[in-house]
């Protein structure tokens, strides 16, 4: 059974930090890139970051560059999202998702295309208070 399980969400004050984890099972981890998306109330789900576990390439939304860091522990089939200097606008449900590495990823922010992701987790809530 394919599973992506997010953890690490919570309530934090602006300027604080959180580390999200995404534990993957049921598929060959190195054959996929793992992305993080978030969805705020009333807004579309948007891509936050992505990592290609097989070669280490990383991608970030402009809104989180310099504040968030994505990393992958291939031995544990787990991807992390370290979030620093959090802002109230970072509030939302954070989802991790997996996309086949055979799909193109480098052009035109392709990594943000939700339809490319075939497996999704249930999400973890992140709330940043001002």
Protein backbone atom coordinates (compact mmCIF):
# COMPACT_ATOMS: atom_id res chain seq x y z
CA UNK A 1 0.00 0.00 0.00
CA UNK A 2 1.35 3.38 -1.02
CA UNK A 3 1.55 5.86 1.85
CA UNK A 4 2.82 9.38 2.32
CA UNK A 5 2.50 10.49 5.92
CA UNK A 6 3.17 14.07 6.91
CA UNK A 7 4.03 15.17 10.43
CA UNK A 8 5.50 18.13 12.26
CA UNK A 9 2.83 20.74 11.75
CA UNK A 10 1.56 22.95 14.56
CA UNK A 11 1.05 26.46 15.85
CA UNK A 12 4.01 28.82 15.89
CA UNK A 13 4.53 32.55 16.24
CA UNK A 14 5.75 34.65 13.35
CA UNK A 15 9.51 34.38 13.06
CA UNK A 16 9.52 30.86 14.45
CA UNK A 17 10.47 27.55 12.85
CA UNK A 18 8.95 24.17 12.14
CA UNK A 19 10.25 21.03 10.47
CA UNK A 20 7.83 18.94 8.50
CA UNK A 21 8.46 15.29 7.67
CA UNK A 22 7.05 13.17 4.89
CA UNK A 23 7.51 9.42 5.35
CA UNK A 24 7.02 7.41 2.15
CA UNK A 25 6.29 3.71 1.78
CA UNK A 26 4.85 1.28 -0.74
CA UNK A 27 6.77 2.53 -3.78
CA UNK A 28 10.37 2.84 -4.95
CA UNK A 29 11.45 6.10 -3.34
CA UNK A 30 14.31 6.85 -5.74
CA UNK A 31 12.00 6.64 -8.75
CA UNK A 32 10.08 9.70 -7.62
CA UNK A 33 10.54 13.34 -6.81
CA UNK A 34 8.79 14.50 -3.65
CA UNK A 35 7.07 17.85 -3.49
CA UNK A 36 5.52 19.93 -0.76
CA UNK A 37 2.33 21.86 -1.44
CA UNK A 38 0.22 24.03 0.80
CA UNK A 39 -3.34 25.20 0.76
CA UNK A 40 -4.68 28.17 2.67
CA UNK A 41 -8.43 28.57 3.29
CA UNK A 42 -10.17 29.76 0.14
CA UNK A 43 -7.03 29.48 -1.98
CA UNK A 44 -5.68 27.00 -4.48
CA UNK A 45 -3.11 24.44 -3.49
CA UNK A 46 0.32 25.79 -4.44
CA UNK A 47 3.74 24.27 -4.81
CA UNK A 48 6.20 25.15 -2.07
CA UNK A 49 9.24 23.00 -2.77
CA UNK A 50 10.37 19.80 -4.44
CA UNK A 51 13.35 17.46 -4.26
CA UNK A 52 14.48 14.80 -6.65
CA UNK A 53 15.70 12.11 -4.26
CA UNK A 54 17.84 10.33 -6.87
CA UNK A 55 20.00 13.32 -7.84
CA UNK A 56 19.32 15.91 -5.14
CA UNK A 57 17.95 18.71 -7.31
CA UNK A 58 15.77 21.07 -5.32
CA UNK A 59 13.15 23.62 -6.29
CA UNK A 60 11.46 26.40 -4.31
CA UNK A 61 8.63 28.82 -4.72
CA UNK A 62 9.85 32.42 -4.77
CA UNK A 63 7.84 33.13 -1.63
CA UNK A 64 9.87 30.68 0.47
CA UNK A 65 13.36 30.93 -1.03
CA UNK A 66 15.93 31.65 1.64
CA UNK A 67 13.56 30.61 4.44
CA UNK A 68 12.64 26.98 3.67
CA UNK A 69 15.00 24.09 3.01
CA UNK A 70 13.96 20.74 1.58
CA UNK A 71 16.07 17.64 2.12
CA UNK A 72 15.82 13.92 1.58
CA UNK A 73 17.00 10.98 3.68
CA UNK A 74 16.97 8.12 1.20
CA UNK A 75 17.84 5.56 3.86
CA UNK A 76 14.63 6.44 5.70
CA UNK A 77 12.49 7.19 2.62
CA UNK A 78 11.70 10.52 4.24
CA UNK A 79 11.69 14.08 2.99
CA UNK A 80 11.93 17.06 5.32
CA UNK A 81 10.90 20.66 4.96
CA UNK A 82 12.70 22.97 7.37
CA UNK A 83 10.73 26.18 7.64
CA UNK A 84 12.37 29.20 9.24
CA UNK A 85 11.33 32.83 9.65
CA UNK A 86 7.72 31.80 9.32
CA UNK A 87 5.13 34.39 8.37
CA UNK A 88 1.36 34.42 8.87
CA UNK A 89 0.95 33.97 5.12
CA UNK A 90 2.67 30.57 5.43
CA UNK A 91 -0.41 29.30 7.24
CA UNK A 92 -2.18 26.39 5.58
CA UNK A 93 -2.40 22.65 5.25
CA UNK A 94 0.88 21.26 3.96
CA UNK A 95 0.82 18.18 1.76
CA UNK A 96 3.63 16.06 0.41
CA UNK A 97 3.24 14.31 -2.90
CA UNK A 98 5.26 12.09 -5.25
CA UNK A 99 5.78 12.49 -8.99
CA UNK A 100 7.61 10.03 -11.28
CA UNK A 101 11.15 11.20 -12.02
CA UNK A 102 10.62 10.27 -15.67
CA UNK A 103 8.47 13.36 -16.07
CA UNK A 104 10.22 16.58 -17.11
CA UNK A 105 10.86 18.81 -14.15
CA UNK A 106 13.28 21.59 -15.07
CA UNK A 107 11.21 23.60 -17.51
CA UNK A 108 8.71 26.33 -16.72
CA UNK A 109 8.22 25.44 -13.05
CA UNK A 110 6.90 22.06 -14.10
CA UNK A 111 7.48 20.80 -10.56
CA UNK A 112 4.52 22.88 -9.38
CA UNK A 113 2.06 21.08 -11.67
CA UNK A 114 -0.27 19.21 -9.34
CA UNK A 115 -1.45 16.78 -12.00
CA UNK A 116 2.06 15.35 -12.31
CA UNK A 117 1.89 14.05 -8.75
CA UNK A 118 0.42 10.57 -8.45
CA UNK A 119 0.54 10.00 -4.71
CA UNK A 120 -0.56 12.44 -2.00
CA UNK A 121 -0.48 12.51 1.76
CA UNK A 122 -3.33 13.61 4.01
CA UNK A 123 -1.72 16.87 5.04
CA UNK A 124 -0.56 18.55 8.22
CA UNK A 125 -1.78 21.90 9.51
CA UNK A 126 0.66 24.78 9.93
CA UNK A 127 -0.60 27.91 11.64
CA UNK A 128 1.58 30.98 12.05
CA UNK A 129 0.26 33.63 14.41
CA UNK A 130 1.19 37.29 14.11
